[in-house]
N, C-alpha and C. Protein backbone atom coordinates (compact mmCIF):
# COMPACT_ATOMS: atom_id res chain seq x y z
N MET A 1 -15.78 10.11 -4.70
CA MET A 1 -15.00 9.25 -5.23
C MET A 1 -15.61 8.60 -6.36
N ILE A 2 -14.76 8.08 -6.92
CA ILE A 2 -15.06 7.29 -8.09
C ILE A 2 -14.50 5.72 -7.44
N THR A 3 -15.77 4.89 -8.08
CA THR A 3 -15.62 3.49 -7.73
C THR A 3 -15.21 2.68 -9.13
N LEU A 4 -14.39 1.53 -9.20
CA LEU A 4 -13.67 1.25 -10.33
C LEU A 4 -15.30 0.15 -10.74
N GLU A 5 -15.59 0.29 -11.85
CA GLU A 5 -16.93 -0.76 -12.65
C GLU A 5 -16.31 -1.99 -12.47
N LYS A 6 -14.84 -1.78 -13.43
CA LYS A 6 -14.26 -3.07 -13.94
C LYS A 6 -12.79 -2.91 -13.55
N VAL A 7 -12.16 -4.02 -12.93
CA VAL A 7 -10.64 -3.82 -12.75
C VAL A 7 -9.70 -4.48 -14.19
N LEU A 8 -9.00 -3.68 -14.75
CA LEU A 8 -8.34 -4.52 -15.84
C LEU A 8 -7.28 -4.86 -15.35
N TYR A 9 -6.29 -4.50 -14.26
CA TYR A 9 -4.92 -4.95 -13.94
C TYR A 9 -4.86 -4.55 -12.52
N THR A 10 -4.19 -5.14 -11.58
CA THR A 10 -3.51 -4.97 -10.48
C THR A 10 -2.19 -4.98 -10.24
N ALA A 11 -1.48 -3.87 -9.59
CA ALA A 11 -0.15 -3.70 -9.64
C ALA A 11 0.43 -3.88 -8.49
N LYS A 12 1.12 -4.38 -7.85
CA LYS A 12 1.44 -5.08 -6.36
C LYS A 12 2.85 -4.70 -6.04
N ALA A 13 3.01 -3.81 -4.90
CA ALA A 13 4.51 -3.55 -4.63
C ALA A 13 4.48 -3.93 -2.87
N HIS A 14 5.58 -4.34 -2.86
CA HIS A 14 6.04 -4.57 -1.42
C HIS A 14 7.13 -3.72 -0.94
N THR A 15 7.01 -3.08 0.06
CA THR A 15 8.36 -2.17 0.40
C THR A 15 8.68 -2.34 2.14
N THR A 16 9.99 -2.60 1.90
CA THR A 16 10.70 -2.86 3.51
C THR A 16 11.84 -1.90 3.20
N GLY A 17 11.93 -1.35 2.08
CA GLY A 17 13.09 -0.14 2.88
C GLY A 17 13.90 0.04 1.47
N ARG A 18 14.10 -0.90 0.62
CA ARG A 18 14.53 -1.07 -0.43
C ARG A 18 13.78 -1.08 -1.69
N LEU A 19 14.45 -0.63 -2.93
CA LEU A 19 13.93 -0.40 -4.25
C LEU A 19 14.78 -1.24 -5.44
N ARG A 20 14.11 -1.93 -5.98
CA ARG A 20 14.53 -2.66 -7.04
C ARG A 20 14.01 -2.69 -8.12
N VAL A 21 14.37 -2.10 -9.46
CA VAL A 21 13.33 -1.68 -10.71
C VAL A 21 13.97 -2.00 -11.80
N GLU A 22 13.46 -2.73 -12.52
CA GLU A 22 14.30 -3.27 -13.86
C GLU A 22 12.98 -2.45 -14.58
N LEU A 23 13.23 -1.43 -15.74
CA LEU A 23 12.50 -0.66 -16.92
C LEU A 23 12.22 -1.58 -18.05
N SER A 24 11.12 -1.83 -18.62
CA SER A 24 11.29 -2.46 -20.05
C SER A 24 10.32 -1.14 -20.96
N GLU A 25 10.63 -0.78 -22.07
CA GLU A 25 9.90 0.12 -23.19
C GLU A 25 8.58 -0.64 -23.21
N PRO A 26 7.58 0.22 -23.17
CA PRO A 26 6.17 0.33 -23.93
C PRO A 26 6.09 -1.08 -24.67
N GLY A 27 5.57 -1.96 -24.93
CA GLY A 27 4.93 -2.73 -25.79
C GLY A 27 6.14 -3.79 -26.42
N THR A 28 7.04 -3.93 -25.24
CA THR A 28 8.38 -4.92 -26.05
C THR A 28 7.94 -6.00 -24.45
N SER A 29 8.60 -7.15 -24.96
CA SER A 29 8.34 -8.44 -24.23
C SER A 29 9.63 -8.02 -22.79
N GLY A 30 9.59 -8.47 -21.75
CA GLY A 30 10.50 -8.60 -20.74
C GLY A 30 9.98 -8.14 -19.16
N THR A 31 10.76 -8.28 -18.32
CA THR A 31 10.51 -8.24 -17.02
C THR A 31 10.47 -6.92 -16.31
N GLY A 32 10.04 -6.24 -17.46
CA GLY A 32 10.16 -4.56 -16.47
C GLY A 32 8.70 -4.44 -15.82
N THR A 33 8.78 -2.86 -15.41
CA THR A 33 7.78 -2.14 -14.63
C THR A 33 6.24 -1.33 -16.00
N ASN A 34 5.72 -0.84 -15.02
CA ASN A 34 4.81 -0.34 -15.67
C ASN A 34 4.25 0.90 -14.94
N PRO A 35 3.62 1.86 -15.09
CA PRO A 35 3.40 3.01 -14.64
C PRO A 35 2.31 2.90 -13.10
N GLU A 36 1.50 1.72 -13.18
CA GLU A 36 0.67 1.29 -11.96
C GLU A 36 2.03 0.94 -10.96
N GLN A 37 2.67 0.08 -11.42
CA GLN A 37 3.69 -0.49 -10.71
C GLN A 37 4.24 0.48 -9.78
N LEU A 38 4.91 1.75 -10.29
CA LEU A 38 5.81 2.49 -9.98
C LEU A 38 4.81 3.54 -9.21
N PHE A 39 3.51 3.64 -9.52
CA PHE A 39 2.85 4.33 -8.43
C PHE A 39 2.70 3.45 -6.97
N ALA A 40 2.53 2.24 -7.20
CA ALA A 40 2.52 1.13 -6.21
C ALA A 40 3.46 1.72 -5.27
N VAL A 41 4.48 1.38 -6.07
CA VAL A 41 6.19 1.46 -5.04
C VAL A 41 6.40 2.78 -4.66
N GLY A 42 5.97 4.05 -5.05
CA GLY A 42 6.33 5.34 -4.57
C GLY A 42 5.16 5.47 -3.32
N TRP A 43 4.00 4.80 -3.68
CA TRP A 43 2.80 5.10 -2.63
C TRP A 43 3.57 4.29 -1.24
N SER A 44 3.83 3.06 -1.46
CA SER A 44 4.02 2.10 -0.58
C SER A 44 5.09 2.72 0.24
N ALA A 45 6.39 2.99 -0.20
CA ALA A 45 7.65 3.91 0.38
C ALA A 45 7.38 4.94 1.22
N CYS A 46 6.55 5.57 0.43
CA CYS A 46 5.84 6.94 0.98
C CYS A 46 5.11 6.76 2.39
N PHE A 47 4.10 5.52 2.15
CA PHE A 47 3.55 5.12 3.31
C PHE A 47 3.87 4.83 4.55
N LEU A 48 5.15 3.92 4.32
CA LEU A 48 6.21 3.31 5.17
C LEU A 48 6.63 4.30 5.80
N SER A 49 7.51 5.28 5.25
CA SER A 49 7.90 6.46 5.77
C SER A 49 7.01 7.36 6.80
N ALA A 50 5.98 7.43 6.54
CA ALA A 50 4.70 8.27 7.10
C ALA A 50 4.51 7.35 8.57
N VAL A 51 4.60 6.12 8.64
CA VAL A 51 3.91 5.17 9.62
C VAL A 51 5.30 5.35 11.04
N LYS A 52 6.57 5.20 9.92
CA LYS A 52 7.87 5.43 10.69
C LYS A 52 7.85 6.66 11.28
N LEU A 53 7.54 7.76 10.79
CA LEU A 53 7.60 9.45 10.99
C LEU A 53 6.39 9.40 12.57
N ILE A 54 5.07 8.80 12.41
CA ILE A 54 4.03 8.86 13.42
C ILE A 54 4.71 8.08 14.41
N ALA A 55 4.97 6.66 14.10
CA ALA A 55 5.59 6.16 15.32
C ALA A 55 6.55 6.75 16.08
N GLY A 56 7.39 7.60 15.62
CA GLY A 56 8.65 8.51 16.05
C GLY A 56 8.23 9.38 16.98
N LYS A 57 6.90 10.19 16.40
CA LYS A 57 6.39 11.28 17.06
C LYS A 57 5.43 10.68 18.54
N LYS A 58 5.01 9.33 18.22
CA LYS A 58 4.28 8.78 19.28
C LYS A 58 5.20 7.60 20.29
N ARG A 59 6.22 7.88 19.96
CA ARG A 59 7.17 6.96 21.25
C ARG A 59 6.74 6.00 20.93
N VAL A 60 6.16 5.38 19.82
CA VAL A 60 6.23 3.73 19.76
C VAL A 60 7.40 3.03 18.60
N ALA A 61 8.19 2.12 19.49
CA ALA A 61 9.27 1.51 18.77
C ALA A 61 8.53 0.45 18.03
N LEU A 62 8.71 0.52 16.75
CA LEU A 62 8.44 -0.25 15.61
C LEU A 62 9.48 -1.55 15.57
N PRO A 63 8.93 -2.56 15.15
CA PRO A 63 9.51 -3.98 14.86
C PRO A 63 10.57 -3.74 13.50
N ASN A 64 11.36 -4.47 13.92
CA ASN A 64 12.70 -4.24 12.92
C ASN A 64 12.10 -4.40 11.15
N GLU A 65 11.35 -5.40 11.30
CA GLU A 65 10.43 -5.88 10.12
C GLU A 65 9.41 -5.40 9.67
N VAL A 66 9.24 -3.92 9.54
CA VAL A 66 7.94 -3.59 9.13
C VAL A 66 7.78 -3.43 7.37
N ALA A 67 6.56 -3.43 7.38
CA ALA A 67 6.50 -3.54 5.60
C ALA A 67 5.20 -2.98 5.23
N VAL A 68 4.71 -2.46 3.93
CA VAL A 68 3.74 -2.11 3.31
C VAL A 68 3.67 -2.86 1.93
N ASP A 69 2.42 -3.43 1.67
CA ASP A 69 2.11 -4.21 0.50
C ASP A 69 1.18 -3.09 -0.03
N ALA A 70 1.07 -2.68 -1.32
CA ALA A 70 0.21 -2.04 -1.96
C ALA A 70 -0.20 -2.52 -3.42
N GLU A 71 -1.30 -2.38 -3.28
CA GLU A 71 -2.19 -3.06 -4.47
C GLU A 71 -2.71 -2.08 -5.28
N VAL A 72 -2.38 -1.34 -6.89
CA VAL A 72 -3.15 -0.53 -7.36
C VAL A 72 -3.79 -1.09 -8.55
N ASP A 73 -4.84 -1.15 -8.55
CA ASP A 73 -5.97 -1.41 -9.72
C ASP A 73 -5.97 -0.43 -10.67
N LEU A 74 -5.92 -0.65 -11.71
CA LEU A 74 -6.27 0.15 -12.84
C LEU A 74 -7.93 -0.21 -13.28
N GLY A 75 -8.80 0.59 -13.56
CA GLY A 75 -9.92 -0.08 -14.38
C GLY A 75 -10.83 1.16 -14.71
N LEU A 76 -12.09 0.73 -14.84
CA LEU A 76 -12.93 1.45 -15.84
C LEU A 76 -13.92 1.91 -14.80
N ALA A 77 -14.15 2.99 -14.83
CA ALA A 77 -15.31 3.74 -14.54
C ALA A 77 -16.01 5.21 -14.85
N HIS A 78 -16.92 5.53 -15.25
CA HIS A 78 -17.63 6.43 -15.88
C HIS A 78 -17.12 6.50 -17.00
N GLY A 79 -16.80 5.49 -17.61
CA GLY A 79 -16.33 5.78 -19.26
C GLY A 79 -14.90 6.30 -19.33
N GLY A 80 -14.43 6.02 -18.15
CA GLY A 80 -12.96 6.54 -18.68
C GLY A 80 -11.83 5.46 -17.54
N HIS A 81 -10.65 5.61 -17.73
CA HIS A 81 -9.88 4.70 -16.89
C HIS A 81 -9.53 5.61 -15.23
N HIS A 82 -9.66 4.52 -14.35
CA HIS A 82 -9.28 5.09 -12.94
C HIS A 82 -8.58 4.36 -12.12
N LEU A 83 -8.21 4.75 -11.16
CA LEU A 83 -7.17 3.87 -9.89
C LEU A 83 -7.91 3.80 -8.87
N ALA A 84 -7.90 2.49 -7.95
CA ALA A 84 -8.30 2.13 -6.83
C ALA A 84 -7.24 1.34 -6.02
N ALA A 85 -7.07 1.30 -4.84
CA ALA A 85 -5.81 0.93 -4.09
C ALA A 85 -6.29 0.33 -2.91
N CYS A 86 -5.26 -0.41 -2.57
CA CYS A 86 -5.33 -1.31 -0.93
C CYS A 86 -4.12 -1.42 -0.14
N MET A 87 -3.82 -0.50 0.51
CA MET A 87 -2.43 -0.67 1.33
C MET A 87 -2.62 -1.40 2.76
N SER A 88 -2.04 -2.23 2.74
CA SER A 88 -1.97 -3.17 4.04
C SER A 88 -0.23 -3.16 4.09
N VAL A 89 -0.38 -2.72 5.94
CA VAL A 89 0.66 -2.54 6.61
C VAL A 89 0.76 -3.55 7.31
N ARG A 90 2.41 -4.11 7.46
CA ARG A 90 2.48 -5.33 8.07
C ARG A 90 3.65 -5.15 9.25
N LEU A 91 2.63 -5.46 10.56
CA LEU A 91 3.54 -5.10 12.03
C LEU A 91 3.42 -6.34 12.48
N SER A 92 4.39 -6.51 13.81
CA SER A 92 4.21 -7.68 14.40
C SER A 92 4.98 -6.99 15.86
N GLY A 93 4.04 -7.53 16.96
CA GLY A 93 4.78 -7.22 18.49
C GLY A 93 3.76 -5.83 19.09
N ILE A 94 3.30 -5.09 18.11
CA ILE A 94 2.36 -4.20 18.67
C ILE A 94 0.98 -4.29 18.73
N ASP A 95 0.34 -3.84 19.72
CA ASP A 95 -1.06 -4.38 19.88
C ASP A 95 -2.06 -3.52 18.87
N GLN A 96 -3.41 -4.12 18.46
CA GLN A 96 -3.96 -3.81 17.24
C GLN A 96 -4.50 -2.65 17.27
N GLN A 97 -4.85 -1.73 18.46
CA GLN A 97 -5.60 -0.50 18.49
C GLN A 97 -3.99 0.70 17.99
N THR A 98 -2.77 0.12 18.53
CA THR A 98 -2.00 1.16 18.24
C THR A 98 -1.14 0.95 17.03
N ASP A 99 -1.55 -0.20 16.19
CA ASP A 99 -1.20 -0.20 14.83
C ASP A 99 -2.31 0.28 13.94
N GLU A 100 -3.46 0.23 14.37
CA GLU A 100 -4.37 1.10 13.53
C GLU A 100 -4.42 2.63 13.89
N SER A 101 -3.86 3.00 14.97
CA SER A 101 -3.76 4.42 15.08
C SER A 101 -2.59 4.65 14.32
N LEU A 102 -1.27 3.97 14.07
CA LEU A 102 -0.40 4.46 13.33
C LEU A 102 -0.99 4.54 11.93
N VAL A 103 -1.58 3.68 11.29
CA VAL A 103 -2.11 3.88 9.97
C VAL A 103 -2.96 4.67 9.60
N GLU A 104 -3.88 4.78 10.81
CA GLU A 104 -4.80 6.15 10.65
C GLU A 104 -4.16 7.27 10.34
N ALA A 105 -3.30 7.57 11.21
CA ALA A 105 -2.41 8.66 11.28
C ALA A 105 -1.56 8.87 10.12
N ALA A 106 -0.92 7.88 9.51
CA ALA A 106 0.15 7.93 8.76
C ALA A 106 -0.90 8.24 7.15
N SER A 107 -2.18 7.90 7.34
CA SER A 107 -3.36 7.67 6.11
C SER A 107 -3.44 9.70 5.72
N GLN A 108 -3.08 10.28 6.95
CA GLN A 108 -3.28 11.65 6.81
C GLN A 108 -2.54 12.77 6.46
N ILE A 109 -1.03 11.97 6.61
CA ILE A 109 0.02 12.79 6.13
C ILE A 109 0.85 12.33 5.14
N CYS A 110 0.62 10.91 4.45
CA CYS A 110 1.01 10.45 3.53
C CYS A 110 0.61 11.43 2.30
N PRO A 111 1.81 12.04 1.42
CA PRO A 111 1.28 12.67 0.41
C PRO A 111 0.42 12.11 -0.89
N TYR A 112 0.88 10.63 -1.05
CA TYR A 112 0.06 10.00 -2.13
C TYR A 112 -1.16 9.61 -1.30
N SER A 113 -1.25 9.44 -0.22
CA SER A 113 -2.95 8.97 0.31
C SER A 113 -3.45 10.48 0.31
N LEU A 114 -3.03 11.75 0.53
CA LEU A 114 -3.98 13.13 0.29
C LEU A 114 -4.44 13.12 -0.89
N ALA A 115 -3.16 12.86 -2.08
CA ALA A 115 -3.89 13.27 -3.44
C ALA A 115 -4.98 12.07 -3.36
N THR A 116 -4.86 11.15 -3.54
CA THR A 116 -5.79 9.99 -3.86
C THR A 116 -7.41 10.15 -2.93
N LYS A 117 -7.23 10.90 -2.00
CA LYS A 117 -8.31 10.97 -0.76
C LYS A 117 -9.42 11.66 -1.29
N GLY A 118 -10.42 11.07 -2.01
CA GLY A 118 -11.83 11.65 -2.50
C GLY A 118 -11.79 11.29 -4.10
N ASN A 119 -10.61 11.25 -4.41
CA ASN A 119 -10.63 10.91 -5.77
C ASN A 119 -10.73 9.33 -6.22
N SER A 120 -10.14 8.47 -5.40
CA SER A 120 -10.30 6.88 -5.70
C SER A 120 -10.50 6.27 -4.38
N ASP A 121 -10.88 4.98 -4.67
CA ASP A 121 -11.46 4.02 -3.54
C ASP A 121 -10.36 3.34 -3.14
N VAL A 122 -9.62 3.87 -1.62
CA VAL A 122 -8.68 3.21 -1.21
C VAL A 122 -9.02 2.94 0.10
N LYS A 123 -8.42 1.71 0.47
CA LYS A 123 -8.73 1.20 1.72
C LYS A 123 -7.30 0.76 2.14
N TYR A 124 -7.12 0.66 3.32
CA TYR A 124 -5.93 0.48 4.40
C TYR A 124 -6.03 -0.48 5.50
N ASN A 125 -5.23 -1.33 5.36
CA ASN A 125 -5.60 -2.55 6.11
C ASN A 125 -3.88 -2.79 7.50
N VAL A 126 -4.43 -3.17 8.14
CA VAL A 126 -3.51 -3.53 9.34
C VAL A 126 -3.30 -5.19 9.11
N ILE A 127 -2.18 -5.49 8.94
CA ILE A 127 -1.82 -7.13 9.18
C ILE A 127 -1.06 -7.41 10.58
N MET A 128 -1.56 -8.04 11.26
CA MET A 128 -0.98 -8.29 12.61
C MET A 128 -0.25 -9.60 12.52
N SER A 129 1.09 -9.71 11.88
CA SER A 129 1.66 -11.31 12.12
C SER A 129 2.94 -11.06 11.55
N ASP A 130 3.98 -11.77 11.49
CA ASP A 130 5.27 -11.76 11.27
C ASP A 130 5.40 -11.37 9.91
N VAL A 131 6.12 -10.73 9.33
CA VAL A 131 6.31 -10.20 8.10
C VAL A 131 7.00 -11.19 7.13
N LEU A 132 6.35 -11.70 6.41
CA LEU A 132 6.75 -13.02 5.57
C LEU A 132 7.78 -12.12 4.16
N PRO A 133 8.62 -13.47 4.07
CA PRO A 133 9.28 -12.98 2.71
C PRO A 133 8.39 -12.62 1.80
N TYR A 134 8.79 -11.70 0.97
CA TYR A 134 8.03 -11.28 -0.08
C TYR A 134 8.23 -12.28 -1.74
N SER A 135 7.34 -12.72 -1.85
CA SER A 135 7.41 -13.79 -3.14
C SER A 135 7.12 -13.19 -4.38
N GLY A 136 6.68 -11.73 -4.50
CA GLY A 136 6.21 -10.99 -5.86
C GLY A 136 4.62 -11.10 -5.74
N GLU A 137 4.12 -11.76 -4.80
CA GLU A 137 2.55 -11.54 -4.55
C GLU A 137 2.00 -11.11 -3.20
N THR A 138 1.15 -10.50 -3.21
CA THR A 138 0.90 -10.13 -1.99
C THR A 138 0.29 -11.36 -0.95
N GLN A 139 1.15 -11.21 0.34
CA GLN A 139 1.00 -12.46 1.10
C GLN A 139 -0.55 -12.43 1.73
N PRO A 140 -0.97 -13.88 1.54
CA PRO A 140 -2.48 -13.84 2.05
C PRO A 140 -2.64 -13.89 3.54
N ALA A 141 -3.17 -12.85 4.30
CA ALA A 141 -3.48 -13.15 5.75
C ALA A 141 -4.71 -12.84 6.17
N THR A 142 -5.86 -13.12 5.32
CA THR A 142 -7.12 -12.21 5.75
C THR A 142 -7.45 -12.39 7.13
N GLU A 143 -6.72 -13.84 7.73
CA GLU A 143 -7.54 -14.14 9.43
C GLU A 143 -6.69 -12.74 10.09
N ASN A 144 -5.72 -12.28 9.78
CA ASN A 144 -5.24 -11.50 10.76
C ASN A 144 -5.22 -9.83 10.20
N MET A 145 -6.10 -9.71 9.26
CA MET A 145 -6.19 -8.51 8.64
C MET A 145 -7.22 -7.79 9.05
N THR A 146 -7.00 -6.41 9.53
CA THR A 146 -7.91 -5.57 10.32
C THR A 146 -8.19 -4.56 8.96
N PRO A 147 -9.19 -3.97 8.69
CA PRO A 147 -9.62 -2.81 7.91
C PRO A 147 -9.73 -2.07 8.65
N THR A 148 -8.67 -0.88 8.33
CA THR A 148 -8.56 0.20 9.62
C THR A 148 -9.34 1.66 8.99
N VAL A 149 -9.23 1.85 7.63
CA VAL A 149 -9.49 3.49 7.14
C VAL A 149 -9.96 3.16 5.81
N ALA A 150 -11.15 3.72 5.11
CA ALA A 150 -11.42 3.68 3.95
C ALA A 150 -11.28 5.15 3.31
N GLY A 151 -10.31 5.45 2.43
CA GLY A 151 -9.96 6.85 1.99
C GLY A 151 -10.97 7.22 0.81
C-alpha cells in the first residue's frame, strides 16, 4: 500500500442518491469538476449501494437518510502522484455494532473499495448521528465518528 507523503488536493463528495455534476474544461475558470471529484462521487455512490445491499441481505432497516461522504486526496508518494481516501458513512437510528458491520461488509463488496485495496491508504468511518444537509464540505462529527476499517 502506498501512503501519501504530501497531499496536493482533496476532492469531497456527498452522496444521498442524487447526482448533479457540472463540468468545466481543464484550465478554464468555472464551477466544474475534476477527476478526483468524479472518482469520489463514483466511489461514494457505489459504496452507498453496497451498504444498502448488505443491509437488505442482513434484513437491517436503514433510515431514509443514509449518506456517504467521500474525501479523495491527490498527493505525492515515491516520486509520483497517488490517491488516498476516507469514506464516512452517515447512519442514524441503528446501533454502533450493526453500523460497523454494514460498513465492513460493504468495503468487501464495493468494486471501488476492492480496486483500491492494497494500493491506496483508505479509511472507513461510521458517523452515528442524524444526516445533516450537505453544504459542500464534509460535515464535522468527530465526536460521533468511529473508525471501522483501514483498507
